[in-house]
Structure formats: C-alpha cells, structure tokens
Amino acid sequence: MVIAREYFISMAVDTMTRPKGSTGEFKGDIHVNDNPPTKNDLDKVAELPVLDVNGKPHAFRSLYTSDSNEPSRVLIIFIRHFFCGNCQEYLRSLSTSITPDGLKSLPTRTKVIVIGCGQPDLITMYARETECPYPIYADPSKNLYAQLGMIRTLDLGPRSPQYMQYSLPSAIVRAIYQNLKAGRSAFRGGDYWQVGGEFLLEDGRASWCHRMRNTRDHTEIPETRRQLGLDGAQPPLRKTFSSGIRRSSSQLQRRLSDRRKSWSRSRDRMEKSSPEGSMMEKVKENRREEEASERSSNEESKMSGTAITNDGSSR
C-alpha cells in the first residue's frame, strides 16, 4: 500500500521536476558501491548549495571544513523525503544512541549533519517528529545526491533493519497522518524515489561512506558507532507508538476508577447533608440499634434457656 501511494505521489512531483532525458530509477535491491568520494569528487560539489531552516543557502563545503587547525570529523547523513517513516525511524534511533554529549567524549571533534531532498520549510516539522538534535539542511535540487552517487528506487529491501523500532504498519500510519496534516506541503517533502546514504569526512576528505540500496538501507547504528570510534552498542529501546497506547489505556482505567470512587464519596456526603438524607440516616441508625438489641436479647435468652421470637413471645 505504501509503495503504491508513494509511487503515485512521486510521479506527480517527479514529472514536474525531472530534467528532460534524465534516468536513474531502479526496481529492486541493486548493487551500489560504497567507495568514498575522492578529493576531486568533493571539489566538484564543494560550492553546491544546501538550504538551512530559513531557506538561506550555504556552500556544501562549509558543512565539513573548519577555519581552525584542529582535526575535525563530520558525519553527513543523506535521508529520503521529509515524510519517509523509515528515515525518521533511523534518525530517532541514531539520536538516542549517538548523542551530542557522546560525541564530546571522542578525542577528535566530531559532529553530525542531516540533509534531506525536500523544501527547507519542512525542516522544523522533521526535527520535531524525529527529535533530532543535529542541524538539518535541504537539497531540493538533489544535485548533491546525484553527484555523490546516490540512486533512486522505491524498493523496501529484503528485511526490516534493526533501527526500525516501530512496526511497518505503525510507520505507515504515522507517515499518512503527517502527509494529511501537512496538506499541500506533502508535495514539498522531496522526491519519493530518492534514497540517501552516510558519508564520514575527516579534515575535508571522505574516509568512509555507505550508499543506500533500498528505502530501508541506512547503516545500522552499531556500525555507525564503530565508524565514529564509539563502541558497537545497539541503540536503546525507545517508547514506541503501541507502548504509548497501552500506557495511556492503563492510565485512563486508573483515572476512571479514581473518578468513580470520588463520585461515590461525593454522593454519600450529599445524601447525609440533605434533610431527607438525615432522616434516612436516623431510620437506619434506629434499625441498627433494634437489631443490636434483638441480638443481645437472643444471646441472653440462650444462656437462660429461653428463646425470644420476633413478635416478642417466648418459647
């Protein structure tokens, strides 16, 4: 269902934005090399613009070069369109496993940057949905994607990656909800065919990269951690959509139970405070006193060998 939906939406966008004579669509999981771009490759794309959240252009090289003489590393993550639930899951898992504080513990100054192929006005929404603490930029022209060897495909791949902690149906529901909520902006999220990858640049040179072969082929988190010099630990389990529903249901049941108890106590207080309630309380109290007196009389009669009936006669 999601592939068909993405296909028709992407066709509408792609027909309007694709240069004449361009190709590059692939069906299925295909072979893509993971050779890091050479210095010459990086020189060709150095001045290509990326847009920040305000739509301001920045030269691509400004993301991975520094004026200081200190060694530096930058992990640049290219995602798919801004409504891709698979990439959102990847960034959620990465953000909980590779934190800014964790990067500060590394001997080499390291940062993470995210680039999507949609319009920059959706960056705020994307950062909120993924809880990503790292800078996010946009390359709606997709020139960087093409020049750095990233492909276009809609294939889901043969398996669900470990970084997907939501189930596929949950990811579909979230993606559909985001699209409906976005309205016309759903067509500004980027090319639904475009996939991305990860590039690690050290002192201006690419030392490692991974290009996605399908729409769920980001590098697994343990491998990414190893490439950065962290341990290969799995990302911690996050609070998922289904667990949130279960937790909310349990909380609702407790609240309803507490509310019923509160209503019962309030009703009892109101009954006691009303004139009718006071009279009923007196009747009940008299009845209790009569019953207590009868029990006491019966016990005394038993001790003396005489039983007292309800009408007061003895036998």
C-alpha atoms as a PDB file:
ATOM      1  CA  MET A   1       0.000   0.000   0.000  1.00  0.00           C
ATOM      2  CA  VAL A   2       2.714   2.475   0.982  1.00  0.00           C
ATOM      3  CA  ILE A   3       4.736   1.716  -2.147  1.00  0.00           C
ATOM      4  CA  ALA A   4       1.742   2.304  -4.404  1.00  0.00           C
ATOM      5  CA  ARG A   5       0.882   5.515  -2.591  1.00  0.00           C
ATOM      6  CA  GLU A   6       4.436   6.809  -2.735  1.00  0.00           C
ATOM      7  CA  TYR A   7       4.635   5.815  -6.391  1.00  0.00           C
ATOM      8  CA  PHE A   8       1.657   7.920  -7.499  1.00  0.00           C
ATOM      9  CA  ILE A   9       2.627  10.924  -5.375  1.00  0.00           C
ATOM     10  CA  SER A  10       6.235  10.742  -6.535  1.00  0.00           C
ATOM     11  CA  MET A  11       5.147  10.509 -10.160  1.00  0.00           C
ATOM     12  CA  ALA A  12       3.213  13.757  -9.835  1.00  0.00           C
ATOM     13  CA  VAL A  13       6.190  15.520  -8.284  1.00  0.00           C
ATOM     14  CA  ASP A  14       8.811  13.826 -10.441  1.00  0.00           C
ATOM     15  CA  THR A  15       7.065  14.632 -13.702  1.00  0.00           C
ATOM     16  CA  MET A  16       7.266  18.324 -12.900  1.00  0.00           C
ATOM     17  CA  THR A  17      10.831  18.370 -11.530  1.00  0.00           C
ATOM     18  CA  ARG A  18      12.828  15.793 -13.522  1.00  0.00           C
ATOM     19  CA  PRO A  19      15.199  17.243 -16.160  1.00  0.00           C
ATOM     20  CA  LYS A  20      14.465  16.124 -19.693  1.00  0.00           C
ATOM     21  CA  GLY A  21      16.203  12.934 -20.707  1.00  0.00           C
ATOM     22  CA  SER A  22      17.203  12.009 -17.125  1.00  0.00           C
ATOM     23  CA  THR A  23      17.036   8.421 -15.933  1.00  0.00           C
ATOM     24  CA  GLY A  24      18.082   6.598 -12.787  1.00  0.00           C
ATOM     25  CA  GLU A  25      15.008   4.778 -11.483  1.00  0.00           C
ATOM     26  CA  PHE A  26      15.645   1.235 -10.265  1.00  0.00           C
ATOM     27  CA  LYS A  27      13.307  -1.514  -9.190  1.00  0.00           C
ATOM     28  CA  GLY A  28      14.565  -3.935  -6.589  1.00  0.00           C
ATOM     29  CA  ASP A  29      17.601  -4.054  -4.316  1.00  0.00           C
ATOM     30  CA  ILE A  30      20.548  -3.199  -6.570  1.00  0.00           C
ATOM     31  CA  HIS A  31      24.297  -3.122  -6.208  1.00  0.00           C
ATOM     32  CA  VAL A  32      25.745   0.269  -5.363  1.00  0.00           C
ATOM     33  CA  ASN A  33      29.388   0.714  -4.484  1.00  0.00           C
ATOM     34  CA  ASP A  34      30.451   2.203  -1.157  1.00  0.00           C
ATOM     35  CA  ASN A  35      33.665   3.769  -2.413  1.00  0.00           C
ATOM     36  CA  PRO A  36      34.163   7.099  -0.640  1.00  0.00           C
ATOM     37  CA  PRO A  37      34.144  10.123  -2.941  1.00  0.00           C
ATOM     38  CA  THR A  38      37.632  11.247  -3.948  1.00  0.00           C
ATOM     39  CA  LYS A  39      39.060  14.697  -3.324  1.00  0.00           C
ATOM     40  CA  ASN A  40      38.273  15.514  -6.924  1.00  0.00           C
ATOM     41  CA  ASP A  41      34.652  14.410  -6.400  1.00  0.00           C
ATOM     42  CA  LEU A  42      34.357  16.631  -3.323  1.00  0.00           C
ATOM     43  CA  ASP A  43      35.892  19.585  -5.173  1.00  0.00           C
ATOM     44  CA  LYS A  44      33.156  19.284  -7.809  1.00  0.00           C
ATOM     45  CA  VAL A  45      30.370  19.549  -5.246  1.00  0.00           C
ATOM     46  CA  ALA A  46      32.074  21.917  -2.788  1.00  0.00           C
ATOM     47  CA  GLU A  47      30.157  25.002  -3.899  1.00  0.00           C
ATOM     48  CA  LEU A  48      26.759  23.359  -4.404  1.00  0.00           C
ATOM     49  CA  PRO A  49      24.184  24.983  -2.105  1.00  0.00           C
ATOM     50  CA  VAL A  50      22.264  23.451   0.752  1.00  0.00           C
ATOM     51  CA  LEU A  51      19.450  25.393   2.427  1.00  0.00           C
ATOM     52  CA  ASP A  52      19.011  25.879   6.158  1.00  0.00           C
ATOM     53  CA  VAL A  53      15.689  26.036   8.012  1.00  0.00           C
ATOM     54  CA  ASN A  54      15.252  29.671   6.947  1.00  0.00           C
ATOM     55  CA  GLY A  55      15.941  28.913   3.285  1.00  0.00           C
ATOM     56  CA  LYS A  56      19.372  30.545   3.416  1.00  0.00           C
ATOM     57  CA  PRO A  57      21.909  28.852   1.082  1.00  0.00           C
ATOM     58  CA  HIS A  58      25.266  27.545   2.326  1.00  0.00           C
ATOM     59  CA  ALA A  59      28.069  26.054   0.271  1.00  0.00           C
ATOM     60  CA  PHE A  60      28.289  22.308   0.873  1.00  0.00           C
ATOM     61  CA  ARG A  61      31.971  22.576   1.820  1.00  0.00           C
ATOM     62  CA  SER A  62      31.062  24.886   4.728  1.00  0.00           C
ATOM     63  CA  LEU A  63      29.486  21.894   6.452  1.00  0.00           C
ATOM     64  CA  TYR A  64      32.693  19.877   6.692  1.00  0.00           C
ATOM     65  CA  THR A  65      35.532  22.404   6.660  1.00  0.00           C
ATOM     66  CA  SER A  66      36.719  24.464   9.579  1.00  0.00           C
ATOM     67  CA  ASP A  67      38.764  27.631   9.960  1.00  0.00           C
ATOM     68  CA  SER A  68      40.615  26.173  12.942  1.00  0.00           C
ATOM     69  CA  ASN A  69      43.651  23.917  12.629  1.00  0.00           C
ATOM     70  CA  GLU A  70      42.117  21.304  14.914  1.00  0.00           C
ATOM     71  CA  PRO A  71      41.340  17.886  13.397  1.00  0.00           C
ATOM     72  CA  SER A  72      37.630  17.510  12.780  1.00  0.00           C
ATOM     73  CA  ARG A  73      35.182  14.909  11.519  1.00  0.00           C
ATOM     74  CA  VAL A  74      31.679  15.274  10.147  1.00  0.00           C
ATOM     75  CA  LEU A  75      29.147  12.508   9.609  1.00  0.00           C
ATOM     76  CA  ILE A  76      26.782  13.707   6.875  1.00  0.00           C
ATOM     77  CA  ILE A  77      23.553  11.721   6.634  1.00  0.00           C
ATOM     78  CA  PHE A  78      21.512  11.991   3.451  1.00  0.00           C
ATOM     79  CA  ILE A  79      17.896  10.984   4.080  1.00  0.00           C
ATOM     80  CA  ARG A  80      14.999  10.444   1.686  1.00  0.00           C
ATOM     81  CA  HIS A  81      11.990  12.797   1.535  1.00  0.00           C
ATOM     82  CA  PHE A  82      10.895  14.518   4.736  1.00  0.00           C
ATOM     83  CA  PHE A  83       7.827  12.259   5.149  1.00  0.00           C
ATOM     84  CA  CYS A  84       9.708   8.964   4.903  1.00  0.00           C
ATOM     85  CA  GLY A  85       8.822   6.947   8.027  1.00  0.00           C
ATOM     86  CA  ASN A  86      11.844   4.668   7.556  1.00  0.00           C
ATOM     87  CA  CYS A  87      14.323   7.550   7.651  1.00  0.00           C
ATOM     88  CA  GLN A  88      12.500   9.127  10.557  1.00  0.00           C
ATOM     89  CA  GLU A  89      12.887   5.883  12.483  1.00  0.00           C
ATOM     90  CA  TYR A  90      16.578   5.803  11.598  1.00  0.00           C
ATOM     91  CA  LEU A  91      17.146   9.300  12.953  1.00  0.00           C
ATOM     92  CA  ARG A  92      15.178   8.580  16.123  1.00  0.00           C
ATOM     93  CA  SER A  93      17.338   5.551  16.844  1.00  0.00           C
ATOM     94  CA  LEU A  94      20.545   7.360  15.917  1.00  0.00           C
ATOM     95  CA  SER A  95      19.667  10.387  18.057  1.00  0.00           C
ATOM     96  CA  THR A  96      19.139   8.222  21.159  1.00  0.00           C
ATOM     97  CA  SER A  97      22.305   6.189  20.571  1.00  0.00           C
ATOM     98  CA  ILE A  98      24.723   8.830  19.277  1.00  0.00           C
ATOM     99  CA  THR A  99      24.135  11.930  21.362  1.00  0.00           C
ATOM    100  CA  PRO A 100      25.914  15.299  21.265  1.00  0.00           C
ATOM    101  CA  ASP A 101      27.325  14.579  24.724  1.00  0.00           C
ATOM    102  CA  GLY A 102      28.600  11.216  23.495  1.00  0.00           C
ATOM    103  CA  LEU A 103      30.382  12.897  20.588  1.00  0.00           C
ATOM    104  CA  LYS A 104      32.118  15.273  23.011  1.00  0.00           C
ATOM    105  CA  SER A 105      33.843  12.279  24.624  1.00  0.00           C
ATOM    106  CA  LEU A 106      35.692  11.445  21.381  1.00  0.00           C
ATOM    107  CA  PRO A 107      39.309  12.575  21.007  1.00  0.00           C
ATOM    108  CA  THR A 108      38.553  14.159  17.617  1.00  0.00           C
ATOM    109  CA  ARG A 109      35.975  16.928  17.359  1.00  0.00           C
ATOM    110  CA  THR A 110      33.007  15.269  15.664  1.00  0.00           C
ATOM    111  CA  LYS A 111      29.596  16.471  14.549  1.00  0.00           C
ATOM    112  CA  VAL A 112      26.592  15.088  12.701  1.00  0.00           C
ATOM    113  CA  ILE A 113      24.658  16.842   9.919  1.00  0.00           C
ATOM    114  CA  VAL A 114      21.465  15.711   8.160  1.00  0.00           C
ATOM    115  CA  ILE A 115      20.475  16.607   4.593  1.00  0.00           C
ATOM    116  CA  GLY A 116      17.062  15.896   3.024  1.00  0.00           C
ATOM    117  CA  CYS A 117      15.800  16.388  -0.513  1.00  0.00           C
ATOM    118  CA  GLY A 118      12.649  18.349   0.360  1.00  0.00           C
ATOM    119  CA  GLN A 119      11.921  22.017   0.850  1.00  0.00           C
ATOM    120  CA  PRO A 120      13.538  23.822   3.804  1.00  0.00           C
ATOM    121  CA  ASP A 121      10.232  24.996   5.306  1.00  0.00           C
ATOM    122  CA  LEU A 122       9.588  21.362   6.373  1.00  0.00           C
ATOM    123  CA  ILE A 123      12.801  21.102   8.403  1.00  0.00           C
ATOM    124  CA  THR A 124      11.142  22.308  11.608  1.00  0.00           C
ATOM    125  CA  MET A 125       8.449  19.635  11.312  1.00  0.00           C
ATOM    126  CA  TYR A 126      11.049  16.981  10.576  1.00  0.00           C
ATOM    127  CA  ALA A 127      13.230  17.921  13.545  1.00  0.00           C
ATOM    128  CA  ARG A 128      10.189  17.796  15.821  1.00  0.00           C
ATOM    129  CA  GLU A 129       8.999  14.402  14.538  1.00  0.00           C
ATOM    130  CA  THR A 130      12.439  12.765  14.786  1.00  0.00           C
ATOM    131  CA  GLU A 131      13.630  14.623  17.920  1.00  0.00           C
ATOM    132  CA  CYS A 132      16.898  15.071  16.039  1.00  0.00           C
ATOM    133  CA  PRO A 133      19.349  17.329  17.937  1.00  0.00           C
ATOM    134  CA  TYR A 134      21.605  17.837  14.904  1.00  0.00           C
ATOM    135  CA  PRO A 135      21.496  20.517  12.178  1.00  0.00           C
ATOM    136  CA  ILE A 136      19.236  19.647   9.235  1.00  0.00           C
ATOM    137  CA  TYR A 137      19.592  21.095   5.728  1.00  0.00           C
ATOM    138  CA  ALA A 138      17.724  20.669   2.456  1.00  0.00           C
ATOM    139  CA  ASP A 139      18.906  19.934  -1.090  1.00  0.00           C
ATOM    140  CA  PRO A 140      15.673  20.105  -3.124  1.00  0.00           C
ATOM    141  CA  SER A 141      17.668  20.151  -6.363  1.00  0.00           C
ATOM    142  CA  LYS A 142      19.133  16.711  -5.472  1.00  0.00           C
ATOM    143  CA  ASN A 143      22.384  17.729  -7.171  1.00  0.00           C
ATOM    144  CA  LEU A 144      24.437  16.507  -4.223  1.00  0.00           C
ATOM    145  CA  TYR A 145      22.637  13.164  -4.263  1.00  0.00           C
ATOM    146  CA  ALA A 146      23.390  12.686  -7.954  1.00  0.00           C
ATOM    147  CA  GLN A 147      26.996  13.882  -7.844  1.00  0.00           C
ATOM    148  CA  LEU A 148      27.834  11.713  -4.832  1.00  0.00           C
ATOM    149  CA  GLY A 149      26.442   8.547  -6.431  1.00  0.00           C
ATOM    150  CA  MET A 150      23.159   8.049  -4.586  1.00  0.00           C
ATOM    151  CA  ILE A 151      20.391   6.316  -6.527  1.00  0.00           C
ATOM    152  CA  ARG A 152      16.593   6.420  -6.909  1.00  0.00           C
ATOM    153  CA  THR A 153      14.440   3.426  -6.030  1.00  0.00           C
ATOM    154  CA  LEU A 154      11.204   2.549  -4.214  1.00  0.00           C
ATOM    155  CA  ASP A 155      12.226  -0.972  -3.196  1.00  0.00           C
ATOM    156  CA  LEU A 156      11.782  -1.745   0.522  1.00  0.00           C
ATOM    157  CA  GLY A 157      14.607  -4.286   0.594  1.00  0.00           C
ATOM    158  CA  PRO A 158      14.585  -7.887   1.830  1.00  0.00           C
ATOM    159  CA  ARG A 159      14.457  -7.234   5.595  1.00  0.00           C
ATOM    160  CA  SER A 160      13.467  -4.787   8.275  1.00  0.00           C
ATOM    161  CA  PRO A 161      16.562  -3.116   9.771  1.00  0.00           C
ATOM    162  CA  GLN A 162      17.334  -3.158  13.478  1.00  0.00           C
ATOM    163  CA  TYR A 163      16.929   0.610  13.781  1.00  0.00           C
ATOM    164  CA  MET A 164      13.217   0.241  12.915  1.00  0.00           C
ATOM    165  CA  GLN A 165      11.686   0.024  16.405  1.00  0.00           C
ATOM    166  CA  TYR A 166       8.224   0.871  15.111  1.00  0.00           C
ATOM    167  CA  SER A 167       6.392  -1.815  13.195  1.00  0.00           C
ATOM    168  CA  LEU A 168       5.849  -1.210   9.488  1.00  0.00           C
ATOM    169  CA  PRO A 169       2.067  -0.649   9.959  1.00  0.00           C
ATOM    170  CA  SER A 170       2.787   1.935  12.671  1.00  0.00           C
ATOM    171  CA  ALA A 171       5.300   3.698  10.418  1.00  0.00           C
ATOM    172  CA  ILE A 172       2.724   3.746   7.601  1.00  0.00           C
ATOM    173  CA  VAL A 173       0.044   5.225   9.881  1.00  0.00           C
ATOM    174  CA  ARG A 174       2.429   7.922  11.120  1.00  0.00           C
ATOM    175  CA  ALA A 175       3.520   8.785   7.565  1.00  0.00           C
ATOM    176  CA  ILE A 176      -0.075   9.032   6.338  1.00  0.00           C
ATOM    177  CA  TYR A 177      -1.012  11.197   9.319  1.00  0.00           C
ATOM    178  CA  GLN A 178       1.929  13.531   8.688  1.00  0.00           C
ATOM    179  CA  ASN A 179       1.022  13.794   4.992  1.00  0.00           C
ATOM    180  CA  LEU A 180      -2.626  14.593   5.763  1.00  0.00           C
ATOM    181  CA  LYS A 181      -1.619  17.103   8.415  1.00  0.00           C
ATOM    182  CA  ALA A 182       0.819  18.771   6.012  1.00  0.00           C
ATOM    183  CA  GLY A 183      -1.833  19.276   3.320  1.00  0.00           C
ATOM    184  CA  ARG A 184      -0.297  20.700   0.164  1.00  0.00           C
ATOM    185  CA  SER A 185       3.123  20.629   1.805  1.00  0.00           C
ATOM    186  CA  ALA A 186       3.064  16.831   1.338  1.00  0.00           C
ATOM    187  CA  PHE A 187       4.228  17.525  -2.218  1.00  0.00           C
ATOM    188  CA  ARG A 188       7.167  19.573  -0.868  1.00  0.00           C
ATOM    189  CA  GLY A 189       8.733  16.763   1.138  1.00  0.00           C
ATOM    190  CA  GLY A 190      11.045  15.713  -1.696  1.00  0.00           C
ATOM    191  CA  ASP A 191      11.456  13.034  -4.343  1.00  0.00           C
ATOM    192  CA  TYR A 192       9.858   9.796  -3.118  1.00  0.00           C
ATOM    193  CA  TRP A 193      12.217   7.767  -5.304  1.00  0.00           C
ATOM    194  CA  GLN A 194      15.428   9.291  -3.950  1.00  0.00           C
ATOM    195  CA  VAL A 195      17.442   7.351  -1.377  1.00  0.00           C
ATOM    196  CA  GLY A 196      20.445   8.597   0.545  1.00  0.00           C
ATOM    197  CA  GLY A 197      23.446   7.379   2.490  1.00  0.00           C
ATOM    198  CA  GLU A 198      26.084   8.243   5.075  1.00  0.00           C
ATOM    199  CA  PHE A 199      29.422   9.970   4.458  1.00  0.00           C
ATOM    200  CA  LEU A 200      32.183  10.434   7.029  1.00  0.00           C
ATOM    201  CA  LEU A 201      34.542  13.298   6.207  1.00  0.00           C
ATOM    202  CA  GLU A 202      37.755  13.842   8.143  1.00  0.00           C
ATOM    203  CA  ASP A 203      39.739  17.035   7.634  1.00  0.00           C
ATOM    204  CA  GLY A 204      37.956  17.662   4.357  1.00  0.00           C
ATOM    205  CA  ARG A 205      38.404  14.149   2.932  1.00  0.00           C
ATOM    206  CA  ALA A 206      35.925  11.280   2.801  1.00  0.00           C
ATOM    207  CA  SER A 207      37.176   8.312   4.838  1.00  0.00           C
ATOM    208  CA  TRP A 208      34.054   6.125   4.725  1.00  0.00           C
ATOM    209  CA  CYS A 209      30.629   6.055   3.138  1.00  0.00           C
ATOM    210  CA  HIS A 210      27.556   3.906   2.654  1.00  0.00           C
ATOM    211  CA  ARG A 211      25.054   4.414  -0.169  1.00  0.00           C
ATOM    212  CA  MET A 212      21.547   3.085   0.354  1.00  0.00           C
ATOM    213  CA  ARG A 213      20.398   0.235  -1.908  1.00  0.00           C
ATOM    214  CA  ASN A 214      16.721   0.470  -0.941  1.00  0.00           C
ATOM    215  CA  THR A 215      14.435   2.677   1.124  1.00  0.00           C
ATOM    216  CA  ARG A 216      15.392   0.985   4.439  1.00  0.00           C
ATOM    217  CA  ASP A 217      19.131   0.640   3.946  1.00  0.00           C
ATOM    218  CA  HIS A 218      20.702   3.211   6.243  1.00  0.00           C
ATOM    219  CA  THR A 219      23.781   1.913   8.061  1.00  0.00           C
ATOM    220  CA  GLU A 220      22.855   0.054  11.231  1.00  0.00           C
ATOM    221  CA  ILE A 221      23.554   2.034  14.397  1.00  0.00           C
ATOM    222  CA  PRO A 222      26.289  -0.279  15.837  1.00  0.00           C
ATOM    223  CA  GLU A 223      28.322   0.033  12.624  1.00  0.00           C
ATOM    224  CA  THR A 224      27.880   3.809  12.594  1.00  0.00           C
ATOM    225  CA  ARG A 225      29.108   3.962  16.196  1.00  0.00           C
ATOM    226  CA  ARG A 226      32.175   1.896  15.286  1.00  0.00           C
ATOM    227  CA  GLN A 227      32.995   4.209  12.397  1.00  0.00           C
ATOM    228  CA  LEU A 228      32.907   7.155  14.785  1.00  0.00           C
ATOM    229  CA  GLY A 229      35.144   5.424  17.335  1.00  0.00           C
ATOM    230  CA  LEU A 230      32.379   4.613  19.777  1.00  0.00           C
ATOM    231  CA  ASP A 231      31.537   1.058  20.832  1.00  0.00           C
ATOM    232  CA  GLY A 232      29.219  -1.058  18.732  1.00  0.00           C
ATOM    233  CA  ALA A 233      26.314  -0.996  21.171  1.00  0.00           C
ATOM    234  CA  GLN A 234      22.750  -1.348  19.979  1.00  0.00           C
ATOM    235  CA  PRO A 235      20.524   1.741  20.262  1.00  0.00           C
ATOM    236  CA  PRO A 236      18.435   1.796  23.451  1.00  0.00           C
ATOM    237  CA  LEU A 237      14.788   0.800  23.151  1.00  0.00           C
ATOM    238  CA  ARG A 238      12.556   3.803  22.749  1.00  0.00           C
ATOM    239  CA  LYS A 239       8.936   4.328  23.749  1.00  0.00           C
ATOM    240  CA  THR A 240       7.019   3.152  20.727  1.00  0.00           C
ATOM    241  CA  PHE A 241       3.566   4.048  19.483  1.00  0.00           C
ATOM    242  CA  SER A 242       1.994   0.782  20.699  1.00  0.00           C
ATOM    243  CA  SER A 243       3.542   1.000  24.160  1.00  0.00           C
ATOM    244  CA  GLY A 244       2.258   4.554  24.405  1.00  0.00           C
ATOM    245  CA  ILE A 245      -1.256   3.334  23.631  1.00  0.00           C
ATOM    246  CA  ARG A 246      -1.023   0.606  26.288  1.00  0.00           C
ATOM    247  CA  ARG A 247       0.322   3.074  28.841  1.00  0.00           C
ATOM    248  CA  SER A 248      -2.411   5.605  28.045  1.00  0.00           C
ATOM    249  CA  SER A 249      -5.107   2.914  28.302  1.00  0.00           C
ATOM    250  CA  SER A 250      -3.835   1.814  31.730  1.00  0.00           C
ATOM    251  CA  GLN A 251      -3.688   5.422  32.925  1.00  0.00           C
ATOM    252  CA  LEU A 252      -7.225   6.031  31.661  1.00  0.00           C
ATOM    253  CA  GLN A 253      -8.544   2.987  33.541  1.00  0.00           C
ATOM    254  CA  ARG A 254      -6.919   4.177  36.779  1.00  0.00           C
ATOM    255  CA  ARG A 255      -8.364   7.651  36.314  1.00  0.00           C
ATOM    256  CA  LEU A 256     -11.860   6.279  35.684  1.00  0.00           C
ATOM    257  CA  SER A 257     -11.595   4.073  38.782  1.00  0.00           C
ATOM    258  CA  ASP A 258     -10.469   7.035  40.899  1.00  0.00           C
ATOM    259  CA  ARG A 259     -13.258   9.162  39.426  1.00  0.00           C
ATOM    260  CA  ARG A 260     -15.916   6.544  40.282  1.00  0.00           C
ATOM    261  CA  LYS A 261     -14.640   6.360  43.870  1.00  0.00           C
ATOM    262  CA  SER A 262     -14.707  10.150  44.097  1.00  0.00           C
ATOM    263  CA  TRP A 263     -18.271  10.289  42.771  1.00  0.00           C
ATOM    264  CA  SER A 264     -19.366   7.620  45.272  1.00  0.00           C
ATOM    265  CA  ARG A 265     -17.876   9.565  48.191  1.00  0.00           C
ATOM    266  CA  SER A 266     -19.471  12.799  46.983  1.00  0.00           C
ATOM    267  CA  ARG A 267     -22.869  11.111  46.638  1.00  0.00           C
ATOM    268  CA  ASP A 268     -22.657   9.742  50.185  1.00  0.00           C
ATOM    269  CA  ARG A 269     -21.775  13.186  51.549  1.00  0.00           C
ATOM    270  CA  MET A 270     -24.663  14.801  49.679  1.00  0.00           C
ATOM    271  CA  GLU A 271     -27.124  12.201  50.945  1.00  0.00           C
ATOM    272  CA  LYS A 272     -26.006  12.722  54.515  1.00  0.00           C
ATOM    273  CA  SER A 273     -26.148  16.528  54.279  1.00  0.00           C
ATOM    274  CA  SER A 274     -29.713  16.713  52.838  1.00  0.00           C
ATOM    275  CA  PRO A 275     -32.834  16.687  55.144  1.00  0.00           C
ATOM    276  CA  GLU A 276     -34.054  13.501  53.546  1.00  0.00           C
ATOM    277  CA  GLY A 277     -30.617  12.032  53.946  1.00  0.00           C
ATOM    278  CA  SER A 278     -30.518  12.959  57.630  1.00  0.00           C
ATOM    279  CA  MET A 279     -33.909  11.340  58.201  1.00  0.00           C
ATOM    280  CA  MET A 280     -32.839   8.188  56.378  1.00  0.00           C
ATOM    281  CA  GLU A 281     -29.672   8.086  58.447  1.00  0.00           C
ATOM    282  CA  LYS A 282     -31.752   8.290  61.641  1.00  0.00           C
ATOM    283  CA  VAL A 283     -34.020   5.481  60.421  1.00  0.00           C
ATOM    284  CA  LYS A 284     -31.012   3.338  59.577  1.00  0.00           C
ATOM    285  CA  GLU A 285     -29.423   4.108  62.950  1.00  0.00           C
ATOM    286  CA  ASN A 286     -32.644   3.168  64.804  1.00  0.00           C
ATOM    287  CA  ARG A 287     -32.866  -0.036  62.812  1.00  0.00           C
ATOM    288  CA  ARG A 288     -29.278  -0.904  63.663  1.00  0.00           C
ATOM    289  CA  GLU A 289     -29.978  -0.260  67.362  1.00  0.00           C
ATOM    290  CA  GLU A 290     -33.081  -2.500  67.244  1.00  0.00           C
ATOM    291  CA  GLU A 291     -31.155  -5.289  65.549  1.00  0.00           C
ATOM    292  CA  ALA A 292     -28.358  -4.988  68.107  1.00  0.00           C
ATOM    293  CA  SER A 293     -30.911  -5.105  70.952  1.00  0.00           C
ATOM    294  CA  GLU A 294     -32.565  -8.208  69.460  1.00  0.00           C
ATOM    295  CA  ARG A 295     -29.211  -9.968  69.122  1.00  0.00           C
ATOM    296  CA  SER A 296     -28.350  -9.095  72.704  1.00  0.00           C
ATOM    297  CA  SER A 297     -31.737 -10.397  73.966  1.00  0.00           C
ATOM    298  CA  ASN A 298     -31.392 -13.643  71.999  1.00  0.00           C
ATOM    299  CA  GLU A 299     -27.944 -14.239  73.450  1.00  0.00           C
ATOM    300  CA  GLU A 300     -29.215 -13.674  76.992  1.00  0.00           C
ATOM    301  CA  SER A 301     -32.198 -15.992  76.366  1.00  0.00           C
ATOM    302  CA  LYS A 302     -29.982 -18.740  75.059  1.00  0.00           C
ATOM    303  CA  MET A 303     -27.913 -18.501  78.193  1.00  0.00           C
ATOM    304  CA  SER A 304     -31.074 -18.814  80.308  1.00  0.00           C
ATOM    305  CA  GLY A 305     -32.631 -21.496  78.042  1.00  0.00           C
ATOM    306  CA  THR A 306     -35.438 -19.290  76.647  1.00  0.00           C
ATOM    307  CA  ALA A 307     -35.613 -18.030  73.053  1.00  0.00           C
ATOM    308  CA  ILE A 308     -37.316 -14.774  72.142  1.00  0.00           C
ATOM    309  CA  THR A 309     -39.187 -14.749  68.778  1.00  0.00           C
ATOM    310  CA  ASN A 310     -39.587 -11.734  66.520  1.00  0.00           C
ATOM    311  CA  ASP A 311     -43.088 -10.999  67.867  1.00  0.00           C
ATOM    312  CA  GLY A 312     -41.716 -10.872  71.409  1.00  0.00           C
ATOM    313  CA  SER A 313     -43.181 -14.173  72.586  1.00  0.00           C
ATOM    314  CA  SER A 314     -41.053 -16.748  74.319  1.00  0.00           C
ATOM    315  CA  ARG A 315     -40.815 -20.460  73.698  1.00  0.00           C
END
